[in-house]
Protein backbone atom coordinates (compact mmCIF):
# COMPACT_ATOMS: atom_id res chain seq x y z
CA UNK A 1 67.85 59.12 101.44
CA UNK A 2 66.84 60.04 97.89
CA UNK A 3 67.24 57.27 95.32
CA UNK A 4 69.64 58.12 92.51
CA UNK A 5 68.36 58.04 88.96
CA UNK A 6 69.92 55.38 86.73
CA UNK A 7 72.92 56.42 84.66
CA UNK A 8 72.18 54.44 81.51
CA UNK A 9 73.29 56.92 78.86
CA UNK A 10 76.60 57.66 77.21
CA UNK A 11 77.72 60.80 75.43
CA UNK A 12 80.05 60.31 72.49
CA UNK A 13 81.91 61.66 69.52
CA UNK A 14 81.99 59.76 66.25
CA UNK A 15 85.36 60.35 64.61
CA UNK A 16 87.11 59.54 61.38
CA UNK A 17 90.80 59.91 62.13
CA UNK A 18 91.11 63.11 64.15
CA UNK A 19 87.97 64.71 62.73
CA UNK A 20 84.73 64.66 64.73
CA UNK A 21 81.84 63.90 62.38
CA UNK A 22 79.05 63.70 64.95
CA UNK A 23 78.36 63.90 68.66
CA UNK A 24 75.39 62.71 70.62
CA UNK A 25 73.94 60.45 73.27
CA UNK A 26 72.94 56.80 73.32
CA UNK A 27 72.16 53.96 75.66
CA UNK A 28 74.14 51.50 73.48
CA UNK A 29 77.53 52.58 72.14
CA UNK A 30 78.12 49.46 70.02
CA UNK A 31 74.76 49.70 68.27
CA UNK A 32 75.19 53.43 67.67
CA UNK A 33 78.66 52.94 66.21
CA UNK A 34 77.31 50.38 63.73
CA UNK A 35 74.54 52.79 62.74
CA UNK A 36 77.04 55.59 62.08
CA UNK A 37 79.33 53.23 60.16
CA UNK A 38 76.61 52.80 57.58
CA UNK A 39 77.17 56.46 56.66
CA UNK A 40 80.87 56.77 57.62
CA UNK A 41 82.41 53.26 57.36
CA UNK A 42 85.92 54.21 58.52
CA UNK A 43 84.84 55.95 61.71
CA UNK A 44 84.74 54.93 65.35
CA UNK A 45 82.82 56.04 68.41
CA UNK A 46 84.55 57.53 71.46
CA UNK A 47 82.82 57.82 74.80
CA UNK A 48 82.93 61.32 76.34
CA UNK A 49 82.98 61.31 80.14
CA UNK A 50 81.13 58.87 82.32
CA UNK A 51 77.64 57.36 82.10
CA UNK A 52 74.91 59.91 82.63
CA UNK A 53 71.25 60.13 83.45
CA UNK A 54 69.02 60.71 80.44
CA UNK A 55 68.57 64.34 81.49
CA UNK A 56 72.31 64.83 81.93
CA UNK A 57 73.04 63.28 78.53
CA UNK A 58 70.40 65.46 76.87
CA UNK A 59 71.93 68.54 78.50
CA UNK A 60 75.41 67.60 77.20
CA UNK A 61 74.03 66.92 73.71
CA UNK A 62 72.27 70.31 73.57
CA UNK A 63 75.44 72.13 74.64
CA UNK A 64 77.47 70.21 72.03
CA UNK A 65 75.02 70.91 69.22
CA UNK A 66 74.75 74.61 70.13
CA UNK A 67 78.55 74.89 70.11
CA UNK A 68 78.78 73.19 66.70
CA UNK A 69 76.12 75.56 65.36
CA UNK A 70 78.05 78.58 66.66
CA UNK A 71 81.27 77.28 65.06
CA UNK A 72 79.47 76.92 61.74
CA UNK A 73 77.75 80.32 61.82
CA UNK A 74 80.35 82.50 63.59
CA UNK A 75 83.76 80.89 63.02
CA UNK A 76 85.69 84.13 63.55
CA UNK A 77 84.67 84.14 67.22
CA UNK A 78 86.44 80.80 67.69
CA UNK A 79 89.51 81.27 65.49
CA UNK A 80 91.88 80.98 68.45
CA UNK A 81 90.44 77.62 69.63
CA UNK A 82 92.48 74.60 68.61
CA UNK A 83 90.50 71.43 67.87
CA UNK A 84 93.54 69.13 67.76
């Protein structure tokens, strides 16, 4: 039986109120939240999904960042998507 890779990574959104300011991956949610609070003091981190392998977390982060880029550069293509 093949040994499973460790699932030591979290994917997250960093939000202020209902607005997502950042999304990414980390192996320590508490530490990462404190780091983001230096820039955005009123915000909080929210875990997205379950723990992931490093490769799985990197895949999620790339998809998230590509989506954010598309929203910023081609907003008309996403005008019918609600973010609330």
